[in-house]
Amino acid sequence: MSELNWAKYNRPVPRYTSYPTVPDWNSENFDFSEALHRLTRATDENGGFALYIHLPFCESLCTYCGCNKRITKNHLVERPYINALLREFDLYSKFIAEGAKITGIHLGGGTPTFFSPENLQYLLENILKHPHVEAGEMFSFEAHPANTSREHLETLYNLGFRRLSLGVQDFDPKVQTAIHRFQTVDDVQTVITQAREIGYTSINFDLIYGLPFQNELSFSKTLEESIALQPDRLAYYSYAHVPWTSPGQRAYDENDLPDAATKLALHHMGREAFLAAGYADIGMDHFVFPQDGMFRDKEQGYLHRNFMGYTHAREKVLLGLGTSSISDVGNAFWQNEKKNEIYQALLKTDELPVIKGHLLTDREQKHREIIQSISCYRLAKWDSEVAEFLEDSGRIDVLKDMEMDGLLDLDGNHLQLTSLGTTFLRNVCSVFDVNYPIMGAQTIQRSSQAI
């Protein structure tokens, strides 16, 4: 491992929450009516679907954030936005197969806990009036530790939520000042204690390495404090500095960021700390305790990856509601309007607010399944058609080079990642991405670095 040239693989690589990735969608030839037909068929074949509901409002700007959000302290925006969400779901309901059940709900943002408990209850009770909810399902939501009240937790628990994800990122005051996100260890401890008293069964922390002013000494304390709080899951993300698409990141510049060697050290430090604390490496930035449901999903072959990250295979059909939300029905994607005013205006005219999408070809579905298998299970098998593509494009040589570097084992039309290869899982996926340049070619900085 010490002999590996890490810089060789530390290049911009997609996270593969979709394939093809959003920049490679063929939106010019997108037929939304065909996509809706595929939604009906997918909800029928799958027996259900998951809902992603985007709640974009935040009271203050976290400068590192690349998500779609609207900064405001005006909480009068809540009910009109909720009414638009409910209208959107009403419009979709006629395209959902009869008898299909909601198998999962995820509230993302923005800051879902920007919304009052009363308004969240109003939204969800109306959503849950539609298809029957499958018994025993667990819903999840993202929360800011500094503004999540016990009432939020109790209201959502009573509606079926059992998973909670807290954006921690870093506890160091200097880093928090730079990224304008403030929460103390005590804030997080309070939310965790209340959530576990109420009955939540899975708590996730998001941590980011590579943020401005991070260093090994200060971040080791964040890791120690985070692990001491015993979250069931940890998502450990590499910071992507893209101020040209996320203007808030101009609050600091490249000189404030850890250099490549320090960022690599932070990556190693976090990974080693999580494994030493008993977490299992699920793959692509995610660590979980072996008793967590996500670990069981992986062991039993039910792990899936989509725009919500890692999830259960029953959530392969994902319907996105709200600004910028993306829907995924297996062989089609589409994305909503990103501007709140336009989103709401379209729904007032009973028009679904879709701005772009992509219908997958048979070949793309084949490559997507390979990328899914690598992402979830660290292995892949492929047929003669894919083998021919790898040979003709020179990508089989890239895989052989990765094997020489100790990232994977090749056996004919089959590969298995090594422990080292898990760190560069995204790189291995990219070999099967027909739109991604092979090693040595110029890459466009539209994704975060592998590390």
Protein backbone atom coordinates (compact mmCIF):
# COMPACT_ATOMS: atom_id res chain seq x y z
CA MET A 1 0.00 0.00 0.00
CA SER A 2 2.82 2.39 0.84
CA GLU A 3 4.18 2.10 -2.72
CA LEU A 4 0.92 3.16 -4.38
CA ASN A 5 1.04 6.48 -6.19
CA TRP A 6 -2.08 7.98 -4.63
CA ALA A 7 -2.02 11.03 -6.89
CA LYS A 8 -2.51 8.71 -9.86
CA TYR A 9 -6.05 7.93 -8.73
CA ASN A 10 -6.90 11.11 -6.85
CA ARG A 11 -8.72 12.77 -9.74
CA PRO A 12 -12.26 14.13 -10.15
CA VAL A 13 -14.60 11.11 -10.23
CA PRO A 14 -18.42 10.95 -10.02
CA ARG A 15 -20.08 9.45 -6.95
CA TYR A 16 -22.34 7.40 -9.24
CA THR A 17 -25.62 8.06 -7.49
CA SER A 18 -26.91 7.67 -11.04
CA TYR A 19 -25.65 6.22 -14.27
CA PRO A 20 -25.42 7.97 -16.64
CA THR A 21 -24.44 10.84 -14.35
CA VAL A 22 -26.57 14.00 -14.59
CA PRO A 23 -24.12 15.98 -16.83
CA ASP A 24 -24.30 13.13 -19.36
CA TRP A 25 -28.08 12.92 -19.62
CA ASN A 26 -29.52 13.18 -23.13
CA SER A 27 -32.15 15.76 -22.22
CA GLU A 28 -32.59 16.94 -25.81
CA ASN A 29 -34.30 13.69 -26.70
CA PHE A 30 -36.05 13.19 -23.35
CA ASP A 31 -39.70 12.12 -23.68
CA PHE A 32 -41.42 12.80 -20.36
CA SER A 33 -44.60 10.96 -21.37
CA GLU A 34 -42.50 7.83 -21.94
CA ALA A 35 -40.79 8.37 -18.58
CA LEU A 36 -44.20 8.52 -16.87
CA HIS A 37 -45.17 5.29 -18.61
CA ARG A 38 -42.00 3.73 -17.21
CA LEU A 39 -42.92 5.06 -13.74
CA THR A 40 -46.25 3.21 -13.92
CA ARG A 41 -44.58 0.01 -15.06
CA ALA A 42 -41.81 0.27 -12.45
CA THR A 43 -44.19 0.87 -9.51
CA ASP A 44 -46.24 -2.10 -10.70
CA GLU A 45 -43.28 -4.45 -11.08
CA ASN A 46 -41.60 -3.28 -7.85
CA GLY A 47 -44.85 -3.18 -5.88
CA GLY A 48 -43.95 0.20 -4.46
CA PHE A 49 -41.70 3.23 -4.50
CA ALA A 50 -39.67 5.49 -2.25
CA LEU A 51 -40.29 9.21 -1.93
CA TYR A 52 -37.58 11.85 -1.72
CA ILE A 53 -39.04 15.20 -0.60
CA HIS A 54 -36.76 18.21 -0.98
CA LEU A 55 -37.28 20.94 1.62
CA PRO A 56 -34.89 23.67 0.43
CA PHE A 57 -35.11 26.37 3.09
CA CYS A 58 -32.36 27.28 5.57
CA GLU A 59 -32.14 30.19 7.98
CA SER A 60 -28.43 30.71 7.29
CA LEU A 61 -25.97 29.73 4.57
CA CYS A 62 -23.44 26.96 5.16
CA THR A 63 -20.76 28.22 2.81
CA TYR A 64 -19.42 24.76 1.85
CA CYS A 65 -22.85 23.52 0.72
CA GLY A 66 -23.45 22.58 -2.91
CA CYS A 67 -27.10 21.60 -2.45
CA ASN A 68 -30.12 23.43 -3.82
CA LYS A 69 -31.27 25.75 -1.03
CA ARG A 70 -33.05 29.03 -0.29
CA ILE A 71 -31.82 31.18 2.59
CA THR A 72 -34.59 32.95 4.54
CA LYS A 73 -35.83 33.58 8.05
CA ASN A 74 -39.37 34.04 6.77
CA HIS A 75 -41.27 30.94 7.86
CA LEU A 76 -44.38 32.05 5.98
CA VAL A 77 -42.81 30.28 2.98
CA GLU A 78 -43.54 26.89 4.55
CA ARG A 79 -47.24 26.33 3.84
CA PRO A 80 -47.27 27.54 0.18
CA TYR A 81 -44.31 25.27 -0.56
CA ILE A 82 -46.01 22.33 1.15
CA ASN A 83 -49.18 22.92 -0.88
CA ALA A 84 -47.06 22.81 -4.05
CA LEU A 85 -45.51 19.50 -2.93
CA LEU A 86 -48.94 18.02 -2.29
CA ARG A 87 -50.19 19.19 -5.68
CA GLU A 88 -47.15 17.63 -7.33
CA PHE A 89 -47.84 14.32 -5.63
CA ASP A 90 -51.49 14.51 -6.67
CA LEU A 91 -50.42 14.94 -10.29
CA TYR A 92 -48.11 11.94 -10.07
CA SER A 93 -50.67 9.74 -8.34
CA LYS A 94 -52.45 8.83 -11.58
CA PHE A 95 -49.17 7.43 -12.95
CA ILE A 96 -48.46 5.26 -9.90
CA ALA A 97 -49.59 1.65 -10.33
CA GLU A 98 -52.70 0.69 -8.36
CA GLY A 99 -51.75 -0.99 -5.11
CA ALA A 100 -48.17 0.30 -5.12
CA LYS A 101 -46.99 1.14 -1.62
CA ILE A 102 -44.67 3.77 -0.24
CA THR A 103 -41.66 1.75 0.89
CA GLY A 104 -39.61 4.67 2.15
CA ILE A 105 -39.64 8.43 2.64
CA HIS A 106 -36.58 10.65 2.94
CA LEU A 107 -36.79 14.35 3.82
CA GLY A 108 -33.76 16.21 2.50
CA GLY A 109 -32.73 19.80 2.06
CA GLY A 110 -31.94 22.52 2.72
CA THR A 111 -32.93 21.97 6.30
CA PRO A 112 -36.09 19.88 6.80
CA THR A 113 -36.23 20.97 10.44
CA PHE A 114 -36.55 24.58 9.20
CA PHE A 115 -40.23 23.59 8.88
CA SER A 116 -42.34 23.61 12.02
CA PRO A 117 -43.45 20.26 13.45
CA GLU A 118 -47.05 21.24 12.68
CA ASN A 119 -46.29 21.88 9.02
CA LEU A 120 -44.26 18.67 8.69
CA GLN A 121 -47.20 16.77 10.14
CA TYR A 122 -49.59 18.47 7.71
CA LEU A 123 -47.35 17.56 4.77
CA LEU A 124 -46.79 13.95 5.73
CA GLU A 125 -50.31 13.11 6.82
CA ASN A 126 -51.52 14.25 3.40
CA ILE A 127 -48.77 12.30 1.61
CA LEU A 128 -49.61 9.16 3.55
CA LYS A 129 -53.28 9.35 2.56
CA HIS A 130 -52.32 8.16 -0.91
CA PRO A 131 -50.91 4.61 -1.41
CA HIS A 132 -50.83 2.45 1.71
CA VAL A 133 -47.62 2.53 3.67
CA GLU A 134 -45.90 -0.81 3.95
CA ALA A 135 -45.95 -2.00 7.55
CA GLY A 136 -42.66 -1.78 9.36
CA GLU A 137 -40.97 0.61 6.97
CA MET A 138 -38.59 3.20 8.41
CA PHE A 139 -38.52 6.74 7.13
CA SER A 140 -35.57 9.11 7.43
CA PHE A 141 -34.84 12.81 7.57
CA GLU A 142 -31.89 15.19 7.60
CA ALA A 143 -31.56 17.66 10.46
CA HIS A 144 -29.43 20.52 11.71
CA PRO A 145 -28.36 19.67 15.29
CA ALA A 146 -28.77 23.29 16.38
CA ASN A 147 -32.45 23.68 15.41
CA THR A 148 -33.97 20.21 15.83
CA SER A 149 -36.39 20.22 18.74
CA ARG A 150 -37.81 17.35 20.72
CA GLU A 151 -41.17 18.24 19.17
CA HIS A 152 -39.68 17.70 15.71
CA LEU A 153 -38.37 14.31 16.77
CA GLU A 154 -41.64 13.21 18.41
CA THR A 155 -43.82 14.41 15.53
CA LEU A 156 -41.78 12.61 12.90
CA TYR A 157 -41.43 9.48 15.04
CA ASN A 158 -45.23 9.28 15.37
CA LEU A 159 -45.46 9.45 11.56
CA GLY A 160 -43.16 6.43 11.14
CA PHE A 161 -39.67 7.96 11.04
CA ARG A 162 -36.92 5.88 12.64
CA ARG A 163 -33.75 7.18 10.98
CA LEU A 164 -32.11 10.54 11.58
CA SER A 165 -29.12 12.08 9.77
CA LEU A 166 -27.23 14.94 11.42
CA GLY A 167 -24.91 17.22 9.48
CA VAL A 168 -21.96 17.50 11.86
CA GLN A 169 -19.10 18.16 9.37
CA ASP A 170 -16.55 19.42 11.96
CA PHE A 171 -16.63 20.53 15.61
CA ASP A 172 -13.61 22.84 15.40
CA PRO A 173 -14.70 26.49 16.01
CA LYS A 174 -12.32 27.91 13.39
CA VAL A 175 -13.65 25.55 10.71
CA GLN A 176 -17.24 26.21 11.77
CA THR A 177 -16.68 29.96 11.44
CA ALA A 178 -15.30 29.51 7.92
CA ILE A 179 -18.17 27.29 6.76
CA HIS A 180 -20.77 29.23 8.77
CA ARG A 181 -22.28 26.15 10.36
CA PHE A 182 -22.43 26.17 14.13
CA GLN A 183 -23.27 23.34 16.47
CA THR A 184 -21.54 22.14 19.60
CA VAL A 185 -20.94 18.62 20.80
CA ASP A 186 -23.59 19.30 23.44
CA ASP A 187 -26.10 20.29 20.72
CA VAL A 188 -25.53 16.99 18.95
CA GLN A 189 -25.56 15.00 22.19
CA THR A 190 -28.92 16.52 23.14
CA VAL A 191 -30.53 15.56 19.82
CA ILE A 192 -29.10 12.02 19.98
CA THR A 193 -30.22 11.48 23.56
CA GLN A 194 -33.73 12.69 22.84
CA ALA A 195 -33.96 10.66 19.61
CA ARG A 196 -32.91 7.45 21.33
CA GLU A 197 -35.28 8.08 24.25
CA ILE A 198 -38.13 8.50 21.76
CA GLY A 199 -37.21 5.30 19.92
CA TYR A 200 -35.15 6.16 16.83
CA THR A 201 -33.13 3.13 15.81
CA SER A 202 -30.55 4.54 13.39
CA ILE A 203 -28.61 7.81 13.65
CA ASN A 204 -26.17 8.96 10.97
CA PHE A 205 -23.47 11.64 11.09
CA ASP A 206 -22.19 13.44 8.01
CA LEU A 207 -18.52 14.45 8.35
CA ILE A 208 -16.50 16.26 5.69
CA TYR A 209 -12.72 16.22 5.29
CA GLY A 210 -10.90 18.84 3.24
CA LEU A 211 -12.77 21.86 4.65
CA PRO A 212 -10.98 25.19 5.15
CA PHE A 213 -8.54 25.32 8.08
CA GLN A 214 -8.80 21.62 8.86
CA ASN A 215 -5.60 19.94 10.02
CA GLU A 216 -4.71 16.56 11.46
CA LEU A 217 -4.56 17.75 15.06
CA SER A 218 -7.88 19.58 15.14
CA PHE A 219 -9.75 17.01 13.07
CA SER A 220 -8.55 14.13 15.21
CA LYS A 221 -10.53 15.73 18.02
CA THR A 222 -13.66 15.94 15.82
CA LEU A 223 -13.27 12.25 14.97
CA GLU A 224 -12.80 11.35 18.64
CA GLU A 225 -15.83 13.40 19.72
CA SER A 226 -17.99 12.01 16.91
CA ILE A 227 -17.14 8.38 17.60
CA ALA A 228 -17.75 8.90 21.33
CA LEU A 229 -21.35 9.85 20.49
CA GLN A 230 -21.78 6.38 18.91
CA PRO A 231 -23.78 7.14 15.76
CA ASP A 232 -24.98 3.99 14.01
CA ARG A 233 -23.72 5.26 10.65
CA LEU A 234 -21.04 7.66 9.45
CA ALA A 235 -20.82 9.26 6.02
CA TYR A 236 -17.29 10.56 5.43
CA TYR A 237 -17.29 12.87 2.43
CA SER A 238 -14.47 14.53 0.53
CA TYR A 239 -15.07 18.27 0.26
CA ALA A 240 -15.53 19.46 -3.33
CA HIS A 241 -14.35 23.05 -3.81
CA VAL A 242 -16.47 24.32 -6.73
CA PRO A 243 -17.01 28.06 -6.15
CA TRP A 244 -18.05 28.52 -9.79
CA THR A 245 -21.23 26.51 -9.05
CA SER A 246 -21.49 27.18 -5.29
CA PRO A 247 -20.76 30.91 -4.81
CA GLY A 248 -20.92 30.59 -1.01
CA GLN A 249 -17.53 28.86 -1.18
CA ARG A 250 -15.98 32.19 -2.18
CA ALA A 251 -16.08 33.06 1.54
CA TYR A 252 -12.62 31.44 1.58
CA ASP A 253 -10.16 30.42 -1.11
CA GLU A 254 -7.84 27.57 -2.06
CA ASN A 255 -5.11 28.89 0.24
CA ASP A 256 -7.36 28.14 3.24
CA LEU A 257 -7.90 24.51 2.22
CA PRO A 258 -5.72 21.59 3.32
CA ASP A 259 -3.14 20.68 0.70
CA ALA A 260 -3.34 17.34 -1.09
CA ALA A 261 -1.04 15.57 1.38
CA THR A 262 -3.00 16.81 4.39
CA LYS A 263 -6.32 15.89 2.83
CA LEU A 264 -5.02 12.40 2.13
CA ALA A 265 -3.87 12.14 5.74
CA LEU A 266 -7.33 13.23 6.94
CA HIS A 267 -8.91 10.55 4.77
CA HIS A 268 -6.64 7.84 6.21
CA MET A 269 -7.11 9.11 9.75
CA GLY A 270 -10.90 8.99 9.55
CA ARG A 271 -11.03 5.58 7.90
CA GLU A 272 -8.65 4.05 10.44
CA ALA A 273 -10.52 5.62 13.36
CA PHE A 274 -13.88 4.28 12.20
CA LEU A 275 -12.59 0.76 11.62
CA ALA A 276 -10.82 0.76 15.00
CA ALA A 277 -14.10 1.81 16.65
CA GLY A 278 -15.91 -1.22 15.20
CA TYR A 279 -17.55 0.29 12.14
CA ALA A 280 -17.69 -1.69 8.90
CA ASP A 281 -16.76 -0.09 5.58
CA ILE A 282 -19.85 -0.32 3.37
CA GLY A 283 -18.10 1.40 0.48
CA MET A 284 -17.93 4.87 -1.09
CA ASP A 285 -17.58 6.97 2.07
CA HIS A 286 -19.99 5.04 4.32
CA PHE A 287 -19.28 3.23 7.59
CA VAL A 288 -21.84 1.44 9.78
CA PHE A 289 -22.01 -0.69 12.89
CA PRO A 290 -22.54 -4.39 12.03
CA GLN A 291 -25.89 -4.39 13.86
CA ASP A 292 -27.24 -1.60 11.63
CA GLY A 293 -29.77 -2.45 8.94
CA MET A 294 -27.53 -1.20 6.15
CA PHE A 295 -24.89 -3.77 7.06
CA ARG A 296 -27.52 -6.53 6.99
CA ASP A 297 -28.74 -5.28 3.60
CA LYS A 298 -25.21 -5.62 2.23
CA GLU A 299 -24.70 -9.07 3.75
CA GLN A 300 -28.04 -10.33 2.42
CA GLY A 301 -27.69 -8.83 -1.07
CA TYR A 302 -30.31 -6.09 -0.68
CA LEU A 303 -28.10 -3.02 -0.90
CA HIS A 304 -28.88 -0.40 -3.54
CA ARG A 305 -27.41 3.00 -4.43
CA ASN A 306 -29.34 6.00 -5.76
CA PHE A 307 -29.62 9.77 -5.23
CA MET A 308 -30.26 9.22 -1.51
CA GLY A 309 -26.98 7.31 -1.26
CA TYR A 310 -27.05 3.70 -0.02
CA THR A 311 -30.50 2.30 0.60
CA HIS A 312 -32.51 -0.95 0.50
CA ALA A 313 -33.15 -2.64 -2.84
CA ARG A 314 -36.92 -2.24 -2.39
CA GLU A 315 -36.33 1.51 -2.92
CA LYS A 316 -35.09 1.07 -6.50
CA VAL A 317 -38.03 3.17 -7.67
CA LEU A 318 -37.55 6.70 -6.35
CA LEU A 319 -40.01 9.53 -6.91
CA GLY A 320 -38.63 13.00 -6.17
CA LEU A 321 -40.85 15.87 -5.05
CA GLY A 322 -39.82 19.49 -4.63
CA THR A 323 -37.32 21.87 -6.22
CA SER A 324 -34.35 20.19 -7.94
CA SER A 325 -35.51 16.69 -6.89
CA ILE A 326 -34.53 13.79 -9.12
CA SER A 327 -36.69 10.75 -9.85
CA ASP A 328 -35.24 7.36 -10.75
CA VAL A 329 -37.39 4.49 -12.03
CA GLY A 330 -34.53 2.21 -13.07
CA ASN A 331 -34.59 2.95 -16.79
CA ALA A 332 -35.40 6.68 -16.67
CA PHE A 333 -34.35 9.77 -14.69
CA TRP A 334 -35.79 13.26 -14.53
CA GLN A 335 -35.13 16.40 -12.50
CA ASN A 336 -37.37 19.21 -11.26
CA GLU A 337 -37.09 22.95 -11.71
CA LYS A 338 -34.52 24.39 -9.28
CA LYS A 339 -36.06 27.84 -8.65
CA ASN A 340 -38.78 27.84 -6.03
CA GLU A 341 -40.91 30.56 -7.67
CA ILE A 342 -40.97 28.79 -11.05
CA TYR A 343 -41.55 25.42 -9.40
CA GLN A 344 -44.63 26.71 -7.57
CA ALA A 345 -45.93 28.66 -10.58
CA LEU A 346 -45.84 25.57 -12.81
CA LEU A 347 -47.76 23.52 -10.27
CA LYS A 348 -50.44 26.21 -10.01
CA THR A 349 -51.14 25.48 -13.68
CA ASP A 350 -51.18 21.71 -12.99
CA GLU A 351 -47.92 21.19 -14.87
CA LEU A 352 -45.30 18.83 -13.47
CA PRO A 353 -42.16 21.01 -12.99
CA VAL A 354 -39.65 18.81 -14.83
CA ILE A 355 -36.76 20.55 -16.63
CA LYS A 356 -34.66 17.64 -17.92
CA GLY A 357 -34.34 13.90 -17.95
CA HIS A 358 -32.86 10.82 -19.55
CA LEU A 359 -34.22 7.53 -20.87
CA LEU A 360 -31.68 4.74 -20.48
CA THR A 361 -30.76 2.52 -23.38
CA ASP A 362 -30.34 -1.23 -22.93
CA ARG A 363 -26.58 -0.77 -23.06
CA GLU A 364 -26.66 1.95 -20.38
CA GLN A 365 -28.77 -0.25 -18.12
CA LYS A 366 -26.17 -3.00 -18.48
CA HIS A 367 -23.35 -0.65 -17.48
CA ARG A 368 -25.46 0.78 -14.67
CA GLU A 369 -25.91 -2.71 -13.18
CA ILE A 370 -22.13 -3.24 -13.24
CA ILE A 371 -21.50 0.10 -11.51
CA GLN A 372 -24.22 -0.73 -8.96
CA SER A 373 -22.59 -4.08 -8.22
CA ILE A 374 -19.17 -2.49 -7.71
CA SER A 375 -20.65 0.29 -5.54
CA CYS A 376 -22.62 -2.06 -3.32
CA TYR A 377 -20.70 -5.33 -3.31
CA ARG A 378 -17.18 -4.51 -4.58
CA LEU A 379 -17.46 -7.05 -7.38
CA ALA A 380 -18.73 -7.23 -10.95
CA LYS A 381 -19.32 -9.66 -13.78
CA TRP A 382 -19.91 -8.69 -17.39
CA ASP A 383 -20.86 -10.30 -20.69
CA SER A 384 -19.07 -10.48 -24.03
CA GLU A 385 -20.53 -7.16 -25.22
CA VAL A 386 -19.05 -5.26 -22.27
CA ALA A 387 -15.81 -7.26 -22.63
CA GLU A 388 -15.57 -6.08 -26.23
CA PHE A 389 -16.12 -2.47 -25.15
CA LEU A 390 -13.38 -2.76 -22.52
CA GLU A 391 -10.98 -4.25 -25.07
CA ASP A 392 -11.71 -1.82 -27.91
CA SER A 393 -11.54 1.27 -25.68
CA GLY A 394 -8.34 0.21 -23.93
CA ARG A 395 -10.12 0.12 -20.59
CA ILE A 396 -9.21 -3.49 -19.94
CA ASP A 397 -5.63 -2.24 -19.69
CA VAL A 398 -6.77 0.26 -17.05
CA LEU A 399 -8.27 -2.61 -15.04
CA LYS A 400 -5.07 -4.59 -15.41
CA ASP A 401 -3.10 -1.57 -14.23
CA MET A 402 -5.41 -1.30 -11.22
CA GLU A 403 -4.77 -4.97 -10.53
CA MET A 404 -1.02 -4.35 -10.64
CA ASP A 405 -1.52 -1.50 -8.13
CA GLY A 406 -3.40 -3.83 -5.77
CA LEU A 407 -6.86 -2.28 -6.17
CA LEU A 408 -8.63 -5.37 -7.53
CA ASP A 409 -8.35 -8.96 -8.66
CA LEU A 410 -9.30 -9.82 -12.25
CA ASP A 411 -10.50 -13.23 -13.39
CA GLY A 412 -11.77 -13.18 -16.96
CA ASN A 413 -14.97 -11.14 -17.10
CA HIS A 414 -15.05 -10.75 -13.35
CA LEU A 415 -13.44 -8.47 -10.78
CA GLN A 416 -13.29 -8.25 -7.01
CA LEU A 417 -12.02 -5.17 -5.18
CA THR A 418 -9.35 -5.53 -2.54
CA SER A 419 -9.42 -3.67 0.76
CA LEU A 420 -7.20 -0.98 -0.78
CA GLY A 421 -9.45 -0.85 -3.83
CA THR A 422 -12.43 0.11 -1.69
CA THR A 423 -10.81 3.51 -1.17
CA PHE A 424 -10.80 3.99 -4.95
CA LEU A 425 -14.16 2.35 -5.60
CA ARG A 426 -15.34 5.34 -7.64
CA ASN A 427 -12.29 5.05 -9.91
CA VAL A 428 -13.09 1.41 -10.63
CA CYS A 429 -16.70 2.31 -11.43
CA SER A 430 -15.48 4.98 -13.85
CA VAL A 431 -13.81 2.37 -16.06
CA PHE A 432 -17.32 1.13 -16.98
CA ASP A 433 -18.62 4.68 -17.55
CA VAL A 434 -18.56 5.17 -21.32
CA ASN A 435 -18.70 8.96 -20.84
CA TYR A 436 -15.71 9.15 -18.48
CA PRO A 437 -12.19 9.50 -19.95
CA ILE A 438 -9.82 6.63 -19.24
CA MET A 439 -6.75 7.09 -17.03
CA GLY A 440 -4.33 9.71 -18.31
CA ALA A 441 -6.94 11.62 -20.29
CA GLN A 442 -8.02 15.17 -19.43
CA THR A 443 -10.87 15.30 -16.92
CA ILE A 444 -13.30 18.14 -16.31
CA GLN A 445 -13.62 19.33 -12.70
CA ARG A 446 -17.31 18.64 -12.33
CA SER A 447 -16.96 16.02 -9.58
CA SER A 448 -15.16 15.90 -6.26
CA GLN A 449 -11.71 14.31 -6.04
CA ALA A 450 -11.59 10.60 -5.26
CA ILE A 451 -9.93 11.60 -1.98
